[in-house]
Protein backbone atom coordinates (compact mmCIF):
# COMPACT_ATOMS: atom_id res chain seq x y z
CA MET A 1 -17.32 -38.16 106.85
CA ALA A 2 -15.60 -39.35 104.07
CA TYR A 3 -15.78 -42.89 102.50
CA THR A 4 -12.43 -45.32 102.39
CA ARG A 5 -12.16 -48.60 100.85
CA LYS A 6 -10.08 -51.22 100.47
CA ILE A 7 -9.19 -52.93 97.15
CA LYS A 8 -6.58 -55.67 96.38
CA GLY A 9 -4.78 -54.18 98.97
CA VAL A 10 -4.93 -50.53 98.13
CA GLU A 11 -7.30 -47.97 99.86
CA TYR A 12 -9.37 -45.32 98.01
CA THR A 13 -11.57 -42.64 99.27
CA LEU A 14 -14.44 -40.92 98.50
CA TYR A 15 -15.01 -37.15 100.27
CA LYS A 16 -18.53 -35.62 100.18
CA ASP A 17 -16.90 -32.10 98.80
CA GLU A 18 -13.70 -30.33 97.56
CA LYS A 19 -13.61 -28.48 101.00
CA GLU A 20 -13.08 -31.83 102.76
CA PHE A 21 -10.45 -33.09 100.46
CA ARG A 22 -8.24 -30.25 100.89
CA ARG A 23 -8.27 -30.58 104.57
CA HIS A 24 -6.18 -34.03 104.31
CA ASN A 25 -4.66 -32.95 100.68
CA PRO A 26 -3.94 -29.69 100.30
CA LYS A 27 -1.81 -29.79 97.52
CA GLN A 28 -3.62 -32.57 95.07
CA THR A 29 -4.46 -31.24 91.85
CA ILE A 30 -8.02 -31.88 91.43
CA GLN A 31 -9.00 -32.88 87.44
CA SER A 32 -12.01 -30.91 87.02
CA ASN A 33 -13.17 -32.70 83.91
CA TRP A 34 -13.37 -36.76 84.98
CA ARG A 35 -13.78 -37.10 81.08
CA GLU A 36 -9.95 -36.52 80.69
CA ALA A 37 -8.35 -38.46 83.97
CA ASN A 38 -6.43 -40.71 83.80
CA THR A 39 -5.75 -43.69 86.79
CA GLY A 40 -4.84 -42.28 89.93
CA ASP A 41 -6.26 -38.74 88.82
CA TRP A 42 -8.24 -37.09 91.52
CA ILE A 43 -11.50 -35.93 89.88
CA LYS A 44 -14.80 -33.83 91.11
CA THR A 45 -18.00 -35.42 90.27
CA ASP A 46 -20.95 -34.52 88.84
CA ASP A 47 -22.35 -33.53 92.31
CA GLY A 48 -19.19 -32.06 94.00
CA GLN A 49 -17.45 -35.12 95.73
CA VAL A 50 -13.97 -35.76 94.91
CA THR A 51 -12.34 -39.25 94.45
CA ILE A 52 -9.77 -40.85 92.81
CA VAL A 53 -9.47 -42.87 89.04
CA ILE A 54 -8.84 -46.57 90.28
CA LYS A 55 -8.16 -47.50 86.66
CA ARG A 56 -8.75 -45.89 82.77
CA GLY A 57 -9.07 -48.39 80.64
CA LYS A 58 -10.94 -49.43 77.13
CA ILE A 59 -14.09 -51.23 76.40
CA LYS A 60 -12.88 -54.40 74.13
CA SER A 61 -15.54 -54.50 71.15
CA LYS A 62 -15.50 -55.47 67.54
CA ASP A 63 -17.71 -52.33 66.81
CA ARG A 64 -16.87 -50.00 69.60
CA ASN A 65 -13.88 -48.18 70.92
CA ASP A 66 -15.50 -46.46 74.04
CA GLU A 67 -13.25 -45.58 77.10
CA TYR A 68 -14.13 -45.97 80.68
CA ILE A 69 -13.11 -45.09 84.09
CA ARG A 70 -13.72 -46.97 87.22
CA THR A 71 -14.28 -45.14 90.60
CA LEU A 72 -15.87 -45.62 94.01
CA LEU A 73 -19.33 -44.87 92.65
CA GLY A 74 -18.62 -47.60 89.79
CA MET A 75 -17.70 -47.95 86.06
CA ALA A 76 -18.65 -44.76 83.75
CA ASN A 77 -18.12 -44.81 79.96
CA ILE A 78 -16.32 -41.67 78.85
CA LYS A 79 -18.41 -40.96 75.90
CA ARG A 80 -22.12 -42.40 76.87
CA THR A 81 -22.50 -41.76 80.48
CA ILE A 82 -24.22 -38.62 81.30
CA HIS A 83 -23.10 -38.12 84.74
CA ILE A 84 -21.02 -39.20 87.79
CA GLU A 85 -22.69 -38.76 90.68
CA GLY A 86 -24.57 -40.52 93.68
CA GLU A 87 -23.54 -42.97 96.36
CA PRO A 88 -20.13 -45.56 96.39
CA VAL A 89 -21.69 -48.78 94.91
CA GLN A 90 -20.64 -52.59 96.14
CA ASP A 91 -19.64 -53.73 92.49
CA ILE A 92 -17.34 -51.28 90.64
CA TRP A 93 -16.59 -53.53 88.15
CA ARG A 94 -19.96 -52.77 86.07
CA PHE A 95 -21.74 -49.97 84.75
CA GLY A 96 -24.61 -48.64 86.40
CA LYS A 97 -25.88 -48.74 90.15
CA LYS A 98 -27.34 -51.72 90.44
CA ASN A 99 -25.67 -55.49 89.65
CA TRP A 100 -27.61 -58.41 88.32
CA TYR A 101 -28.62 -59.62 91.55
CA ALA A 102 -30.30 -56.36 92.46
CA LYS A 103 -31.58 -55.74 89.42
CA ILE A 104 -33.38 -59.04 89.28
CA LYS A 105 -34.65 -58.96 93.17
CA ASP A 106 -35.67 -55.12 93.35
CA GLY A 107 -36.09 -54.31 89.59
CA ASN A 108 -39.66 -53.65 87.86
CA LEU A 109 -41.98 -56.32 86.83
CA SER A 110 -40.64 -57.33 83.07
CA ILE A 111 -42.73 -59.62 81.15
CA SER A 112 -40.20 -62.38 81.63
CA LYS A 113 -40.86 -61.91 85.61
CA ARG A 114 -44.77 -61.80 84.79
CA ILE A 115 -44.73 -65.10 82.68
CA PHE A 116 -42.33 -67.03 85.53
CA ALA A 117 -45.25 -65.63 88.11
CA LYS A 118 -47.90 -67.03 86.15
CA TYR A 119 -46.29 -70.44 85.67
CA ILE A 120 -45.42 -71.04 89.11
CA ALA A 121 -49.21 -69.81 89.97
CA SER A 122 -50.21 -72.89 87.92
CA GLY A 123 -48.38 -75.30 90.14
CA MET A 124 -44.95 -75.67 87.43
CA LYS A 125 -41.61 -76.12 89.58
CA PRO A 126 -39.72 -72.94 89.91
CA ILE A 127 -36.99 -74.27 87.50
CA ASP A 128 -38.77 -75.22 84.90
CA ALA A 129 -40.97 -71.68 85.50
CA PHE A 130 -37.80 -69.79 84.88
CA MET A 131 -36.58 -72.33 81.58
CA LYS A 132 -39.93 -71.62 79.94
CA ALA A 133 -40.35 -68.22 80.46
CA HIS A 134 -36.53 -67.53 79.32
CA GLU A 135 -36.71 -69.50 76.03
CA ASN A 136 -33.09 -68.82 75.24
CA THR A 137 -31.79 -69.82 78.57
CA LYS A 138 -29.63 -73.52 78.05
CA SER A 139 -27.41 -73.47 81.68
CA LEU A 140 -29.34 -75.24 84.09
CA ASP A 141 -26.90 -74.09 87.02
CA TYR A 142 -27.76 -70.24 85.31
CA ALA A 143 -31.45 -70.84 85.66
CA LYS A 144 -31.05 -72.16 89.07
CA GLN A 145 -28.99 -69.12 90.54
CA LYS A 146 -31.58 -66.96 88.63
CA THR A 147 -34.59 -68.69 90.24
CA LYS A 148 -33.24 -68.23 93.68
CA VAL A 149 -33.26 -64.59 93.64
CA LEU A 150 -36.68 -64.31 91.64
CA LEU A 151 -38.06 -65.96 94.58
CA LYS A 152 -36.70 -63.65 97.12
CA SER A 153 -37.96 -60.88 95.31
CA LYS A 154 -41.14 -58.98 97.33
CA LYS A 155 -42.63 -57.85 94.01
CA VAL A 156 -42.52 -61.58 91.81
CA ARG A 157 -44.35 -62.96 95.79
CA GLN A 158 -46.71 -60.81 95.49
CA LEU A 159 -47.46 -60.92 91.86
CA ILE A 160 -47.44 -65.23 91.96
CA ASP A 161 -50.11 -64.52 94.73
CA LYS A 162 -52.04 -62.14 92.98
CA GLU A 163 -51.75 -65.16 89.87
CA ILE A 164 -53.23 -68.18 92.48
CA GLU A 165 -55.92 -65.62 93.76
CA LEU A 166 -57.08 -65.12 89.77
CA LEU A 167 -56.55 -68.86 89.41
CA LEU A 168 -58.76 -69.49 92.66
CA ASN A 169 -61.36 -67.37 91.67
CA GLU A 170 -61.82 -68.70 88.24
CA THR A 171 -62.63 -71.87 89.74
CA GLY A 172 -65.27 -69.78 92.72
CA ILE A 173 -62.57 -70.68 95.26
CA THR A 174 -62.76 -66.92 96.50
CA LYS A 175 -61.12 -65.43 100.09
CA SER A 176 -64.67 -65.53 101.16
CA TYR A 177 -65.05 -68.83 100.21
CA LEU A 178 -62.30 -69.93 101.93
CA LEU A 179 -62.88 -68.08 105.27
CA GLU A 180 -66.57 -69.25 105.19
CA LYS A 181 -65.37 -72.48 105.12
CA THR A 182 -62.74 -71.93 107.97
CA LYS A 183 -65.64 -70.56 109.59
CA ASP A 184 -67.63 -73.91 109.48
CA ILE A 185 -65.07 -75.84 110.61
CA VAL A 186 -64.66 -73.79 113.58
CA ASP A 187 -68.48 -73.26 114.14
CA SER A 188 -69.29 -77.31 113.76
CA GLU A 189 -69.92 -79.30 116.60
CA ALA A 190 -68.65 -82.20 114.87
CA SER A 191 -64.86 -80.65 114.55
CA ARG A 192 -61.95 -81.85 116.08
CA ASP A 193 -60.55 -79.59 119.07
CA SER A 194 -57.41 -80.02 116.86
CA ASP A 195 -58.75 -79.17 113.85
CA ARG A 196 -60.66 -75.85 115.17
CA MET A 197 -57.89 -74.83 116.96
CA ARG A 198 -55.66 -75.00 113.36
CA ALA A 199 -58.81 -73.28 112.01
CA ILE A 200 -58.97 -70.05 114.40
CA GLU A 201 -55.15 -69.71 113.95
CA THR A 202 -55.82 -69.29 110.36
CA LEU A 203 -58.41 -66.80 111.12
CA MET A 204 -56.22 -65.09 113.59
CA LYS A 205 -53.13 -65.08 111.41
CA LEU A 206 -55.52 -63.29 108.90
CA SER A 207 -56.83 -60.83 110.96
CA GLY A 208 -53.39 -59.90 112.25
CA MET A 209 -54.35 -60.96 115.71
CA LEU A 210 -51.20 -63.67 116.54
CA ASN A 211 -48.68 -60.32 117.30
CA THR A 212 -47.64 -59.27 120.58
CA GLU A 213 -49.36 -56.20 120.53
CA LYS A 214 -53.00 -57.82 119.90
CA LYS A 215 -52.37 -60.84 122.73
CA VAL A 216 -55.50 -59.71 125.11
CA ASP A 217 -57.72 -59.86 121.99
CA SER A 218 -56.13 -63.31 120.96
CA VAL A 219 -57.05 -64.73 124.40
CA SER A 220 -60.43 -63.25 124.62
CA LEU A 221 -60.60 -65.32 121.21
CA ILE A 222 -59.36 -68.51 122.30
CA GLN A 223 -61.38 -68.55 125.81
CA GLU A 224 -64.65 -68.60 123.79
CA PHE A 225 -64.50 -72.03 123.23
CA THR A 226 -64.45 -74.58 125.90
CA GLY A 227 -62.00 -77.64 126.46
CA PHE A 228 -58.74 -76.01 125.22
CA SER A 229 -55.56 -76.89 127.88
CA GLN A 230 -53.50 -74.31 129.74
CA GLU A 231 -50.71 -75.16 127.50
CA LYS A 232 -52.42 -73.83 124.35
CA LEU A 233 -53.81 -70.84 126.21
CA ASN A 234 -50.32 -69.97 127.08
CA ALA A 235 -49.11 -70.36 123.78
CA PHE A 236 -51.85 -67.81 122.21
CA LYS A 237 -51.03 -65.36 124.93
CA ALA A 238 -47.14 -65.87 123.73
CA GLY A 239 -48.71 -64.85 120.25
CA THR A 240 -47.72 -68.50 119.32
CA LEU A 241 -49.00 -71.82 118.93
CA PRO A 242 -47.14 -75.15 120.01
CA GLU A 243 -46.66 -77.98 117.63
CA THR A 244 -49.17 -80.32 117.23
CA LYS A 245 -49.06 -83.42 119.45
CA THR A 246 -51.90 -85.85 121.34
CA ILE A 247 -52.95 -84.28 124.08
CA LYS A 248 -56.16 -84.89 126.45
CA LEU A 249 -59.48 -82.92 126.10
CA ASN A 250 -62.66 -83.64 128.13
CA GLY A 251 -61.24 -87.03 128.72
CA LYS A 252 -60.47 -87.76 125.05
CA GLU A 253 -57.19 -88.01 123.17
CA THR A 254 -57.05 -85.46 120.14
């Protein structure tokens, strides 16, 4: 099925192949060499699709005199682009398949991203971490915009977690240490029921037990401890915990 998109009030179409194109445009001419096409020409892409040239223009530069064409597949430099192919792009006004947002959010882990993650892990505020990792950045608004995107990146968040883990390990606070301390809260008779509940919740989250697929396991574990309200037991069955509030356990407030 052909892909269509309206741009500035004009509808443009990308056909999957010449056969599909001919069903709708039996007499139209197709420019086989897209490098020679002008605005309004139909072209065949390098992977056999057929689309129209939205615009042919020139790249304004002091040391370059290149031309480009713009299609639903994005912009292509007449001299430098090797192939026109692939899927339609959202941002047709840029070269390449990814716009700046996608490059920052889903792109590879560059040196600047790694430095940013180290600064974040060390406790620096995100905006300050970005400015320090990109020393040439002068605009605060630009830095804020890019920082928001970086913090949405799964790769960057995982890198920050890894850096935090390395810092904790250096001080002797390993995952085993944290688990042991959490378990100590659960096992200690001196622990308040509310503290014990939160410790159990933490351990259950780490083990993947707090989800709808493992409700029985969650209930079995929590019932090993006495004195918990029916409200909290019902919450565990639902895979969640209610907000902490003052309740009576064994005649005492907690």
